[in-house]
Amino acid sequence: MANESDESVTFFFRRLSDGDHNAAAKLWQHFGHRLEGLAQKKLAGRNQRMSDAEDAVQSAFASFCQRVERGDFPEDANRDDLWKILGTITVRKALKHQ
Protein backbone atom coordinates (compact mmCIF):
# COMPACT_ATOMS: atom_id res chain seq x y z
CA MET A 1 0.00 0.00 0.00
CA ALA A 2 1.25 3.47 -0.81
CA ASN A 3 2.28 5.69 2.08
CA GLU A 4 -0.65 8.02 2.65
CA SER A 5 -0.65 11.46 4.16
CA ASP A 6 -2.44 12.16 7.41
CA GLU A 7 -4.49 14.71 5.44
CA SER A 8 -5.58 12.54 2.50
CA VAL A 9 -9.20 11.83 1.67
CA THR A 10 -8.55 8.10 1.71
CA PHE A 11 -7.00 8.39 5.16
CA PHE A 12 -10.13 10.06 6.53
CA PHE A 13 -12.37 7.60 4.67
CA ARG A 14 -10.59 4.73 6.38
CA ARG A 15 -10.78 6.50 9.74
CA LEU A 16 -14.54 6.97 9.29
CA SER A 17 -14.95 3.33 8.34
CA ASP A 18 -13.18 2.50 11.63
CA GLY A 19 -15.77 4.56 13.53
CA ASP A 20 -13.89 7.87 13.88
CA HIS A 21 -16.70 10.42 13.60
CA ASN A 22 -14.19 13.30 13.53
CA ALA A 23 -13.06 12.04 10.14
CA ALA A 24 -16.49 12.90 8.74
CA ALA A 25 -15.80 16.60 9.35
CA LYS A 26 -12.59 16.37 7.33
CA LEU A 27 -14.40 14.64 4.47
CA TRP A 28 -17.10 17.31 4.62
CA GLN A 29 -14.42 20.01 4.36
CA HIS A 30 -13.11 18.35 1.23
CA PHE A 31 -16.38 17.50 -0.53
CA GLY A 32 -19.11 19.69 0.98
CA HIS A 33 -18.79 22.75 -1.24
CA ARG A 34 -18.63 20.67 -4.43
CA LEU A 35 -21.65 18.64 -3.34
CA GLU A 36 -23.68 21.78 -2.70
CA GLY A 37 -22.78 23.06 -6.17
CA LEU A 38 -23.77 19.74 -7.70
CA ALA A 39 -27.15 19.73 -5.93
CA GLN A 40 -27.85 23.34 -6.90
CA LYS A 41 -26.97 22.61 -10.51
CA LYS A 42 -29.18 19.53 -10.56
CA LEU A 43 -32.12 21.49 -9.12
CA ALA A 44 -31.61 24.61 -11.25
CA GLY A 45 -34.77 25.65 -13.06
CA ARG A 46 -36.99 23.44 -10.92
CA ASN A 47 -39.58 24.62 -8.45
CA GLN A 48 -37.60 24.57 -5.21
CA ARG A 49 -37.03 26.23 -1.89
CA MET A 50 -33.67 27.81 -1.18
CA SER A 51 -32.89 25.09 1.34
CA ASP A 52 -33.66 22.14 -0.95
CA ALA A 53 -30.09 21.75 -2.23
CA GLU A 54 -28.61 22.18 1.25
CA ASP A 55 -31.08 19.71 2.75
CA ALA A 56 -30.32 17.17 0.02
CA VAL A 57 -26.56 17.50 0.52
CA GLN A 58 -26.79 17.14 4.28
CA SER A 59 -29.03 14.11 3.91
CA ALA A 60 -26.71 12.59 1.29
CA PHE A 61 -23.62 13.13 3.42
CA ALA A 62 -25.29 11.64 6.50
CA SER A 63 -26.35 8.59 4.47
CA PHE A 64 -22.84 8.27 3.08
CA CYS A 65 -21.29 8.35 6.57
CA GLN A 66 -23.73 5.74 7.88
CA ARG A 67 -23.00 3.49 4.92
CA VAL A 68 -19.24 3.91 5.34
CA GLU A 69 -19.52 2.84 8.97
CA ARG A 70 -21.59 -0.19 7.91
CA GLY A 71 -18.88 -1.18 5.44
CA ASP A 72 -21.01 -0.74 2.32
CA PHE A 73 -18.15 0.66 0.22
CA PRO A 74 -14.85 -0.90 -0.85
CA GLU A 75 -12.04 -0.35 1.65
CA ASP A 76 -9.67 0.61 -1.14
CA ALA A 77 -11.87 3.44 -2.46
CA ASN A 78 -9.89 6.50 -3.47
CA ARG A 79 -10.86 10.17 -3.69
CA ASP A 80 -12.30 9.73 -7.19
CA ASP A 81 -14.36 6.73 -6.12
CA LEU A 82 -15.65 8.64 -3.10
CA TRP A 83 -16.60 11.64 -5.24
CA LYS A 84 -18.57 9.37 -7.59
CA ILE A 85 -20.35 7.72 -4.67
CA LEU A 86 -21.12 11.03 -2.96
CA GLY A 87 -22.19 12.62 -6.24
CA THR A 88 -24.60 9.80 -7.02
CA ILE A 89 -26.14 9.87 -3.55
CA THR A 90 -26.42 13.68 -3.68
CA VAL A 91 -28.11 13.76 -7.08
CA ARG A 92 -30.62 11.12 -6.01
CA LYS A 93 -31.37 12.93 -2.75
CA ALA A 94 -31.70 16.28 -4.56
CA LEU A 95 -34.21 14.89 -7.03
CA LYS A 96 -36.09 13.15 -4.23
CA HIS A 97 -36.20 16.37 -2.13
CA GLN A 98 -37.55 18.24 -5.14
PDB file of N, CA and C in Angstrom:
ATOM      1  N   MET A   1       0.844  -1.172   0.000  1.00  0.00           N
ATOM      2  CA  MET A   1       0.000   0.000   0.000  1.00  0.00           C
ATOM      3  C   MET A   1       0.892   1.239   0.000  1.00  0.00           C
ATOM      4  N   ALA A   2       0.486   2.228  -0.754  1.00  0.00           N
ATOM      5  CA  ALA A   2       1.250   3.474  -0.807  1.00  0.00           C
ATOM      6  C   ALA A   2       1.185   4.176   0.544  1.00  0.00           C
ATOM      7  N   ASN A   3       2.236   4.910   0.851  1.00  0.00           N
ATOM      8  CA  ASN A   3       2.279   5.691   2.076  1.00  0.00           C
ATOM      9  C   ASN A   3       1.316   6.864   1.937  1.00  0.00           C
ATOM     10  N   GLU A   4       0.329   6.946   2.809  1.00  0.00           N
ATOM     11  CA  GLU A   4      -0.652   8.019   2.649  1.00  0.00           C
ATOM     12  C   GLU A   4      -0.488   9.094   3.700  1.00  0.00           C
ATOM     13  N   SER A   5      -0.765  10.296   3.299  1.00  0.00           N
ATOM     14  CA  SER A   5      -0.647  11.461   4.163  1.00  0.00           C
ATOM     15  C   SER A   5      -1.743  11.437   5.219  1.00  0.00           C
ATOM     16  N   ASP A   6      -1.439  12.047   6.360  1.00  0.00           N
ATOM     17  CA  ASP A   6      -2.443  12.160   7.410  1.00  0.00           C
ATOM     18  C   ASP A   6      -3.578  13.098   7.016  1.00  0.00           C
ATOM     19  N   GLU A   7      -3.453  13.780   5.894  1.00  0.00           N
ATOM     20  CA  GLU A   7      -4.488  14.706   5.444  1.00  0.00           C
ATOM     21  C   GLU A   7      -5.198  14.233   4.184  1.00  0.00           C
ATOM     22  N   SER A   8      -4.978  13.000   3.748  1.00  0.00           N
ATOM     23  CA  SER A   8      -5.584  12.537   2.504  1.00  0.00           C
ATOM     24  C   SER A   8      -7.036  12.123   2.717  1.00  0.00           C
ATOM     25  N   VAL A   9      -7.797  12.227   1.646  1.00  0.00           N
ATOM     26  CA  VAL A   9      -9.201  11.830   1.669  1.00  0.00           C
ATOM     27  C   VAL A   9      -9.322  10.346   2.007  1.00  0.00           C
ATOM     28  N   THR A  10      -8.468   9.537   1.426  1.00  0.00           N
ATOM     29  CA  THR A  10      -8.552   8.103   1.707  1.00  0.00           C
ATOM     30  C   THR A  10      -8.218   7.794   3.160  1.00  0.00           C
ATOM     31  N   PHE A  11      -7.311   8.554   3.750  1.00  0.00           N
ATOM     32  CA  PHE A  11      -6.995   8.388   5.163  1.00  0.00           C
ATOM     33  C   PHE A  11      -8.243   8.628   6.012  1.00  0.00           C
ATOM     34  N   PHE A  12      -8.941   9.747   5.745  1.00  0.00           N
ATOM     35  CA  PHE A  12     -10.131  10.059   6.531  1.00  0.00           C
ATOM     36  C   PHE A  12     -11.283   9.101   6.229  1.00  0.00           C
ATOM     37  N   PHE A  13     -11.368   8.617   5.002  1.00  0.00           N
ATOM     38  CA  PHE A  13     -12.367   7.604   4.669  1.00  0.00           C
ATOM     39  C   PHE A  13     -12.135   6.352   5.502  1.00  0.00           C
ATOM     40  N   ARG A  14     -10.899   5.927   5.582  1.00  0.00           N
ATOM     41  CA  ARG A  14     -10.588   4.726   6.380  1.00  0.00           C
ATOM     42  C   ARG A  14     -10.834   4.963   7.866  1.00  0.00           C
ATOM     43  N   ARG A  15     -10.511   6.164   8.330  1.00  0.00           N
ATOM     44  CA  ARG A  15     -10.777   6.503   9.739  1.00  0.00           C
ATOM     45  C   ARG A  15     -12.284   6.448  10.019  1.00  0.00           C
ATOM     46  N   LEU A  16     -13.091   7.003   9.119  1.00  0.00           N
ATOM     47  CA  LEU A  16     -14.538   6.970   9.289  1.00  0.00           C
ATOM     48  C   LEU A  16     -15.045   5.539   9.272  1.00  0.00           C
ATOM     49  N   SER A  17     -14.502   4.728   8.390  1.00  0.00           N
ATOM     50  CA  SER A  17     -14.946   3.326   8.335  1.00  0.00           C
ATOM     51  C   SER A  17     -14.565   2.573   9.604  1.00  0.00           C
ATOM     52  N   ASP A  18     -13.564   3.090  10.339  1.00  0.00           N
ATOM     53  CA  ASP A  18     -13.180   2.504  11.628  1.00  0.00           C
ATOM     54  C   ASP A  18     -13.965   3.108  12.791  1.00  0.00           C
ATOM     55  N   GLY A  19     -14.921   4.000  12.483  1.00  0.00           N
ATOM     56  CA  GLY A  19     -15.773   4.562  13.527  1.00  0.00           C
ATOM     57  C   GLY A  19     -15.340   5.917  14.059  1.00  0.00           C
ATOM     58  N   ASP A  20     -14.352   6.549  13.441  1.00  0.00           N
ATOM     59  CA  ASP A  20     -13.890   7.868  13.879  1.00  0.00           C
ATOM     60  C   ASP A  20     -14.801   8.944  13.289  1.00  0.00           C
ATOM     61  N   HIS A  21     -15.725   9.437  14.083  1.00  0.00           N
ATOM     62  CA  HIS A  21     -16.702  10.424  13.599  1.00  0.00           C
ATOM     63  C   HIS A  21     -16.062  11.764  13.275  1.00  0.00           C
ATOM     64  N   ASN A  22     -14.899  12.062  13.858  1.00  0.00           N
ATOM     65  CA  ASN A  22     -14.191  13.301  13.533  1.00  0.00           C
ATOM     66  C   ASN A  22     -13.715  13.306  12.082  1.00  0.00           C
ATOM     67  N   ALA A  23     -13.499  12.138  11.531  1.00  0.00           N
ATOM     68  CA  ALA A  23     -13.056  12.039  10.142  1.00  0.00           C
ATOM     69  C   ALA A  23     -14.133  12.533   9.184  1.00  0.00           C
ATOM     70  N   ALA A  24     -15.390  12.419   9.586  1.00  0.00           N
ATOM     71  CA  ALA A  24     -16.490  12.898   8.738  1.00  0.00           C
ATOM     72  C   ALA A  24     -16.364  14.399   8.497  1.00  0.00           C
ATOM     73  N   ALA A  25     -15.961  15.145   9.497  1.00  0.00           N
ATOM     74  CA  ALA A  25     -15.802  16.595   9.347  1.00  0.00           C
ATOM     75  C   ALA A  25     -14.724  16.917   8.317  1.00  0.00           C
ATOM     76  N   LYS A  26     -13.651  16.151   8.314  1.00  0.00           N
ATOM     77  CA  LYS A  26     -12.587  16.367   7.328  1.00  0.00           C
ATOM     78  C   LYS A  26     -13.070  16.034   5.918  1.00  0.00           C
ATOM     79  N   LEU A  27     -13.847  14.978   5.787  1.00  0.00           N
ATOM     80  CA  LEU A  27     -14.403  14.645   4.475  1.00  0.00           C
ATOM     81  C   LEU A  27     -15.385  15.717   4.014  1.00  0.00           C
ATOM     82  N   TRP A  28     -16.173  16.234   4.949  1.00  0.00           N
ATOM     83  CA  TRP A  28     -17.101  17.312   4.617  1.00  0.00           C
ATOM     84  C   TRP A  28     -16.336  18.542   4.130  1.00  0.00           C
ATOM     85  N   GLN A  29     -15.238  18.866   4.790  1.00  0.00           N
ATOM     86  CA  GLN A  29     -14.425  20.013   4.364  1.00  0.00           C
ATOM     87  C   GLN A  29     -13.934  19.827   2.932  1.00  0.00           C
ATOM     88  N   HIS A  30     -13.627  18.611   2.578  1.00  0.00           N
ATOM     89  CA  HIS A  30     -13.107  18.351   1.234  1.00  0.00           C
ATOM     90  C   HIS A  30     -14.218  18.341   0.180  1.00  0.00           C
ATOM     91  N   PHE A  31     -15.345  17.716   0.481  1.00  0.00           N
ATOM     92  CA  PHE A  31     -16.380  17.496  -0.527  1.00  0.00           C
ATOM     93  C   PHE A  31     -17.603  18.404  -0.420  1.00  0.00           C
ATOM     94  N   GLY A  32     -17.860  18.990   0.730  1.00  0.00           N
ATOM     95  CA  GLY A  32     -19.114  19.695   0.981  1.00  0.00           C
ATOM     96  C   GLY A  32     -19.455  20.770  -0.027  1.00  0.00           C
ATOM     97  N   HIS A  33     -18.518  21.642  -0.322  1.00  0.00           N
ATOM     98  CA  HIS A  33     -18.789  22.752  -1.243  1.00  0.00           C
ATOM     99  C   HIS A  33     -19.118  22.232  -2.646  1.00  0.00           C
ATOM    100  N   ARG A  34     -18.371  21.250  -3.102  1.00  0.00           N
ATOM    101  CA  ARG A  34     -18.628  20.671  -4.429  1.00  0.00           C
ATOM    102  C   ARG A  34     -19.983  19.980  -4.469  1.00  0.00           C
ATOM    103  N   LEU A  35     -20.347  19.309  -3.385  1.00  0.00           N
ATOM    104  CA  LEU A  35     -21.653  18.637  -3.342  1.00  0.00           C
ATOM    105  C   LEU A  35     -22.788  19.638  -3.384  1.00  0.00           C
ATOM    106  N   GLU A  36     -22.647  20.749  -2.667  1.00  0.00           N
ATOM    107  CA  GLU A  36     -23.681  21.784  -2.697  1.00  0.00           C
ATOM    108  C   GLU A  36     -23.840  22.350  -4.104  1.00  0.00           C
ATOM    109  N   GLY A  37     -22.720  22.582  -4.784  1.00  0.00           N
ATOM    110  CA  GLY A  37     -22.781  23.063  -6.165  1.00  0.00           C
ATOM    111  C   GLY A  37     -23.457  22.069  -7.082  1.00  0.00           C
ATOM    112  N   LEU A  38     -23.150  20.792  -6.900  1.00  0.00           N
ATOM    113  CA  LEU A  38     -23.769  19.740  -7.700  1.00  0.00           C
ATOM    114  C   LEU A  38     -25.280  19.708  -7.486  1.00  0.00           C
ATOM    115  N   ALA A  39     -25.708  19.762  -6.240  1.00  0.00           N
ATOM    116  CA  ALA A  39     -27.145  19.725  -5.930  1.00  0.00           C
ATOM    117  C   ALA A  39     -27.856  20.958  -6.499  1.00  0.00           C
ATOM    118  N   GLN A  40     -27.244  22.122  -6.361  1.00  0.00           N
ATOM    119  CA  GLN A  40     -27.851  23.342  -6.896  1.00  0.00           C
ATOM    120  C   GLN A  40     -27.963  23.263  -8.408  1.00  0.00           C
ATOM    121  N   LYS A  41     -26.940  22.751  -9.052  1.00  0.00           N
ATOM    122  CA  LYS A  41     -26.968  22.610 -10.512  1.00  0.00           C
ATOM    123  C   LYS A  41     -28.064  21.637 -10.935  1.00  0.00           C
ATOM    124  N   LYS A  42     -28.182  20.539 -10.215  1.00  0.00           N
ATOM    125  CA  LYS A  42     -29.180  19.527 -10.557  1.00  0.00           C
ATOM    126  C   LYS A  42     -30.600  20.062 -10.373  1.00  0.00           C
ATOM    127  N   LEU A  43     -30.788  20.958  -9.394  1.00  0.00           N
ATOM    128  CA  LEU A  43     -32.120  21.486  -9.116  1.00  0.00           C
ATOM    129  C   LEU A  43     -32.403  22.806  -9.842  1.00  0.00           C
ATOM    130  N   ALA A  44     -31.430  23.330 -10.554  1.00  0.00           N
ATOM    131  CA  ALA A  44     -31.612  24.612 -11.247  1.00  0.00           C
ATOM    132  C   ALA A  44     -32.797  24.539 -12.205  1.00  0.00           C
ATOM    133  N   GLY A  45     -33.623  25.582 -12.168  1.00  0.00           N
ATOM    134  CA  GLY A  45     -34.771  25.654 -13.058  1.00  0.00           C
ATOM    135  C   GLY A  45     -35.979  24.860 -12.591  1.00  0.00           C
ATOM    136  N   ARG A  46     -35.862  24.212 -11.470  1.00  0.00           N
ATOM    137  CA  ARG A  46     -36.987  23.441 -10.923  1.00  0.00           C
ATOM    138  C   ARG A  46     -37.627  24.240  -9.806  1.00  0.00           C
ATOM    139  N   ASN A  47     -38.872  23.977  -9.554  1.00  0.00           N
ATOM    140  CA  ASN A  47     -39.581  24.624  -8.451  1.00  0.00           C
ATOM    141  C   ASN A  47     -38.977  24.113  -7.149  1.00  0.00           C
ATOM    142  N   GLN A  48     -38.294  24.998  -6.429  1.00  0.00           N
ATOM    143  CA  GLN A  48     -37.604  24.567  -5.214  1.00  0.00           C
ATOM    144  C   GLN A  48     -37.523  25.684  -4.194  1.00  0.00           C
ATOM    145  N   ARG A  49     -37.348  25.282  -2.959  1.00  0.00           N
ATOM    146  CA  ARG A  49     -37.034  26.230  -1.887  1.00  0.00           C
ATOM    147  C   ARG A  49     -35.531  26.441  -1.882  1.00  0.00           C
ATOM    148  N   MET A  50     -35.098  27.524  -1.273  1.00  0.00           N
ATOM    149  CA  MET A  50     -33.669  27.808  -1.180  1.00  0.00           C
ATOM    150  C   MET A  50     -32.926  26.695  -0.448  1.00  0.00           C
ATOM    151  N   SER A  51     -33.577  26.087   0.518  1.00  0.00           N
ATOM    152  CA  SER A  51     -32.893  25.089   1.339  1.00  0.00           C
ATOM    153  C   SER A  51     -32.889  23.691   0.724  1.00  0.00           C
ATOM    154  N   ASP A  52     -33.575  23.483  -0.385  1.00  0.00           N
ATOM    155  CA  ASP A  52     -33.659  22.141  -0.949  1.00  0.00           C
ATOM    156  C   ASP A  52     -32.294  21.535  -1.240  1.00  0.00           C
ATOM    157  N   ALA A  53     -31.421  22.281  -1.888  1.00  0.00           N
ATOM    158  CA  ALA A  53     -30.091  21.750  -2.225  1.00  0.00           C
ATOM    159  C   ALA A  53     -29.303  21.463  -0.953  1.00  0.00           C
ATOM    160  N   GLU A  54     -29.338  22.381  -0.001  1.00  0.00           N
ATOM    161  CA  GLU A  54     -28.607  22.178   1.250  1.00  0.00           C
ATOM    162  C   GLU A  54     -29.147  20.968   2.010  1.00  0.00           C
ATOM    163  N   ASP A  55     -30.463  20.851   2.069  1.00  0.00           N
ATOM    164  CA  ASP A  55     -31.077  19.708   2.746  1.00  0.00           C
ATOM    165  C   ASP A  55     -30.665  18.398   2.081  1.00  0.00           C
ATOM    166  N   ALA A  56     -30.677  18.383   0.759  1.00  0.00           N
ATOM    167  CA  ALA A  56     -30.319  17.172   0.020  1.00  0.00           C
ATOM    168  C   ALA A  56     -28.872  16.787   0.285  1.00  0.00           C
ATOM    169  N   VAL A  57     -27.983  17.781   0.295  1.00  0.00           N
ATOM    170  CA  VAL A  57     -26.563  17.502   0.518  1.00  0.00           C
ATOM    171  C   VAL A  57     -26.334  16.984   1.933  1.00  0.00           C
ATOM    172  N   GLN A  58     -26.956  17.601   2.907  1.00  0.00           N
ATOM    173  CA  GLN A  58     -26.791  17.140   4.285  1.00  0.00           C
ATOM    174  C   GLN A  58     -27.320  15.722   4.458  1.00  0.00           C
ATOM    175  N   SER A  59     -28.467  15.444   3.846  1.00  0.00           N
ATOM    176  CA  SER A  59     -29.029  14.106   3.910  1.00  0.00           C
ATOM    177  C   SER A  59     -28.119  13.093   3.205  1.00  0.00           C
ATOM    178  N   ALA A  60     -27.604  13.478   2.050  1.00  0.00           N
ATOM    179  CA  ALA A  60     -26.712  12.595   1.294  1.00  0.00           C
ATOM    180  C   ALA A  60     -25.437  12.297   2.082  1.00  0.00           C
ATOM    181  N   PHE A  61     -24.862  13.332   2.686  1.00  0.00           N
ATOM    182  CA  PHE A  61     -23.617  13.127   3.423  1.00  0.00           C
ATOM    183  C   PHE A  61     -23.851  12.263   4.659  1.00  0.00           C
ATOM    184  N   ALA A  62     -24.970  12.477   5.337  1.00  0.00           N
ATOM    185  CA  ALA A  62     -25.295  11.643   6.504  1.00  0.00           C
ATOM    186  C   ALA A  62     -25.470  10.184   6.087  1.00  0.00           C
ATOM    187  N   SER A  63     -26.167   9.960   4.975  1.00  0.00           N
ATOM    188  CA  SER A  63     -26.349   8.590   4.473  1.00  0.00           C
ATOM    189  C   SER A  63     -25.014   7.969   4.113  1.00  0.00           C
ATOM    190  N   PHE A  64     -24.159   8.743   3.446  1.00  0.00           N
ATOM    191  CA  PHE A  64     -22.835   8.269   3.076  1.00  0.00           C
ATOM    192  C   PHE A  64     -22.058   7.826   4.319  1.00  0.00           C
ATOM    193  N   CYS A  65     -22.038   8.669   5.346  1.00  0.00           N
ATOM    194  CA  CYS A  65     -21.290   8.347   6.573  1.00  0.00           C
ATOM    195  C   CYS A  65     -21.819   7.082   7.234  1.00  0.00           C
ATOM    196  N   GLN A  66     -23.135   6.942   7.290  1.00  0.00           N
ATOM    197  CA  GLN A  66     -23.730   5.736   7.877  1.00  0.00           C
ATOM    198  C   GLN A  66     -23.326   4.500   7.084  1.00  0.00           C
ATOM    199  N   ARG A  67     -23.348   4.632   5.769  1.00  0.00           N
ATOM    200  CA  ARG A  67     -23.001   3.490   4.917  1.00  0.00           C
ATOM    201  C   ARG A  67     -21.515   3.153   4.995  1.00  0.00           C
ATOM    202  N   VAL A  68     -20.672   4.165   5.159  1.00  0.00           N
ATOM    203  CA  VAL A  68     -19.238   3.908   5.336  1.00  0.00           C
ATOM    204  C   VAL A  68     -19.036   3.104   6.613  1.00  0.00           C
ATOM    205  N   GLU A  69     -19.672   3.535   7.680  1.00  0.00           N
ATOM    206  CA  GLU A  69     -19.518   2.845   8.968  1.00  0.00           C
ATOM    207  C   GLU A  69     -20.054   1.421   8.924  1.00  0.00           C
ATOM    208  N   ARG A  70     -21.050   1.167   8.074  1.00  0.00           N
ATOM    209  CA  ARG A  70     -21.594  -0.192   7.909  1.00  0.00           C
ATOM    210  C   ARG A  70     -20.699  -1.054   7.032  1.00  0.00           C
ATOM    211  N   GLY A  71     -19.761  -0.419   6.320  1.00  0.00           N
ATOM    212  CA  GLY A  71     -18.880  -1.176   5.445  1.00  0.00           C
ATOM    213  C   GLY A  71     -19.447  -1.419   4.062  1.00  0.00           C
ATOM    214  N   ASP A  72     -20.354  -0.554   3.617  1.00  0.00           N
ATOM    215  CA  ASP A  72     -21.009  -0.736   2.320  1.00  0.00           C
ATOM    216  C   ASP A  72     -20.120  -0.422   1.114  1.00  0.00           C
ATOM    217  N   PHE A  73     -19.009   0.246   1.330  1.00  0.00           N
ATOM    218  CA  PHE A  73     -18.153   0.655   0.219  1.00  0.00           C
ATOM    219  C   PHE A  73     -16.808  -0.051   0.299  1.00  0.00           C
ATOM    220  N   PRO A  74     -16.146  -0.217  -0.843  1.00  0.00           N
ATOM    221  CA  PRO A  74     -14.850  -0.897  -0.847  1.00  0.00           C
ATOM    222  C   PRO A  74     -13.826  -0.175   0.024  1.00  0.00           C
ATOM    223  N   GLU A  75     -13.053  -0.926   0.769  1.00  0.00           N
ATOM    224  CA  GLU A  75     -12.040  -0.350   1.654  1.00  0.00           C
ATOM    225  C   GLU A  75     -10.947   0.380   0.885  1.00  0.00           C
ATOM    226  N   ASP A  76     -10.728  -0.005  -0.358  1.00  0.00           N
ATOM    227  CA  ASP A  76      -9.665   0.608  -1.145  1.00  0.00           C
ATOM    228  C   ASP A  76     -10.154   1.776  -2.006  1.00  0.00           C
ATOM    229  N   ALA A  77     -11.327   2.305  -1.688  1.00  0.00           N
ATOM    230  CA  ALA A  77     -11.871   3.438  -2.455  1.00  0.00           C
ATOM    231  C   ALA A  77     -10.931   4.634  -2.346  1.00  0.00           C
ATOM    232  N   ASN A  78     -10.741   5.315  -3.464  1.00  0.00           N
ATOM    233  CA  ASN A  78      -9.885   6.496  -3.465  1.00  0.00           C
ATOM    234  C   ASN A  78     -10.755   7.757  -3.580  1.00  0.00           C
ATOM    235  N   ARG A  79     -10.118   8.907  -3.649  1.00  0.00           N
ATOM    236  CA  ARG A  79     -10.865  10.171  -3.686  1.00  0.00           C
ATOM    237  C   ARG A  79     -11.811  10.249  -4.871  1.00  0.00           C
ATOM    238  N   ASP A  80     -11.419   9.715  -6.019  1.00  0.00           N
ATOM    239  CA  ASP A  80     -12.302   9.734  -7.191  1.00  0.00           C
ATOM    240  C   ASP A  80     -13.506   8.823  -6.983  1.00  0.00           C
ATOM    241  N   ASP A  81     -13.259   7.644  -6.424  1.00  0.00           N
ATOM    242  CA  ASP A  81     -14.362   6.726  -6.118  1.00  0.00           C
ATOM    243  C   ASP A  81     -15.345   7.376  -5.145  1.00  0.00           C
ATOM    244  N   LEU A  82     -14.790   8.009  -4.117  1.00  0.00           N
ATOM    245  CA  LEU A  82     -15.646   8.639  -3.102  1.00  0.00           C
ATOM    246  C   LEU A  82     -16.458   9.773  -3.692  1.00  0.00           C
ATOM    247  N   TRP A  83     -15.852  10.555  -4.593  1.00  0.00           N
ATOM    248  CA  TRP A  83     -16.596  11.643  -5.239  1.00  0.00           C
ATOM    249  C   TRP A  83     -17.751  11.066  -6.063  1.00  0.00           C
ATOM    250  N   LYS A  84     -17.512   9.993  -6.792  1.00  0.00           N
ATOM    251  CA  LYS A  84     -18.566   9.374  -7.595  1.00  0.00           C
ATOM    252  C   LYS A  84     -19.701   8.863  -6.699  1.00  0.00           C
ATOM    253  N   ILE A  85     -19.340   8.232  -5.604  1.00  0.00           N
ATOM    254  CA  ILE A  85     -20.351   7.718  -4.675  1.00  0.00           C
ATOM    255  C   ILE A  85     -21.152   8.871  -4.075  1.00  0.00           C
ATOM    256  N   LEU A  86     -20.445   9.881  -3.558  1.00  0.00           N
ATOM    257  CA  LEU A  86     -21.123  11.033  -2.957  1.00  0.00           C
ATOM    258  C   LEU A  86     -21.959  11.786  -3.985  1.00  0.00           C
ATOM    259  N   GLY A  87     -21.444  11.931  -5.188  1.00  0.00           N
ATOM    260  CA  GLY A  87     -22.185  12.617  -6.242  1.00  0.00           C
ATOM    261  C   GLY A  87     -23.474  11.900  -6.588  1.00  0.00           C
ATOM    262  N   THR A  88     -23.402  10.596  -6.699  1.00  0.00           N
ATOM    263  CA  THR A  88     -24.597   9.799  -7.017  1.00  0.00           C
ATOM    264  C   THR A  88     -25.641   9.912  -5.911  1.00  0.00           C
ATOM    265  N   ILE A  89     -25.211   9.765  -4.678  1.00  0.00           N
ATOM    266  CA  ILE A  89     -26.141   9.869  -3.548  1.00  0.00           C
ATOM    267  C   ILE A  89     -26.757  11.268  -3.517  1.00  0.00           C
ATOM    268  N   THR A  90     -25.938  12.291  -3.731  1.00  0.00           N
ATOM    269  CA  THR A  90     -26.423  13.679  -3.677  1.00  0.00           C
ATOM    270  C   THR A  90     -27.442  13.952  -4.770  1.00  0.00           C
ATOM    271  N   VAL A  91     -27.173  13.530  -5.978  1.00  0.00           N
ATOM    272  CA  VAL A  91     -28.113  13.760  -7.081  1.00  0.00           C
ATOM    273  C   VAL A  91     -29.441  13.067  -6.793  1.00  0.00           C
ATOM    274  N   ARG A  92     -29.375  11.852  -6.324  1.00  0.00           N
ATOM    275  CA  ARG A  92     -30.618  11.120  -6.014  1.00  0.00           C
ATOM    276  C   ARG A  92     -31.401  11.801  -4.889  1.00  0.00           C
ATOM    277  N   LYS A  93     -30.692  12.251  -3.862  1.00  0.00           N
ATOM    278  CA  LYS A  93     -31.369  12.934  -2.752  1.00  0.00           C
ATOM    279  C   LYS A  93     -31.939  14.268  -3.224  1.00  0.00           C
ATOM    280  N   ALA A  94     -31.219  14.989  -4.063  1.00  0.00           N
ATOM    281  CA  ALA A  94     -31.695  16.276  -4.555  1.00  0.00           C
ATOM    282  C   ALA A  94     -32.986  16.107  -5.345  1.00  0.00           C
ATOM    283  N   LEU A  95     -33.013  15.132  -6.222  1.00  0.00           N
ATOM    284  CA  LEU A  95     -34.207  14.888  -7.032  1.00  0.00           C
ATOM    285  C   LEU A  95     -35.371  14.411  -6.164  1.00  0.00           C
ATOM    286  N   LYS A  96     -35.052  13.629  -5.149  1.00  0.00           N
ATOM    287  CA  LYS A  96     -36.090  13.148  -4.227  1.00  0.00           C
ATOM    288  C   LYS A  96     -36.639  14.301  -3.386  1.00  0.00           C
ATOM    289  N   HIS A  97     -35.754  15.224  -2.931  1.00  0.00           N
ATOM    290  CA  HIS A  97     -36.197  16.372  -2.135  1.00  0.00           C
ATOM    291  C   HIS A  97     -37.064  17.321  -2.957  1.00  0.00           C
ATOM    292  N   GLN A  98     -36.838  17.333  -4.257  1.00  0.00           N
ATOM    293  CA  GLN A  98     -37.547  18.242  -5.139  1.00  0.00           C
ATOM    294  C   GLN A  98     -38.970  17.808  -5.250  1.00  0.00           C
TER     295      GLN A  98
END
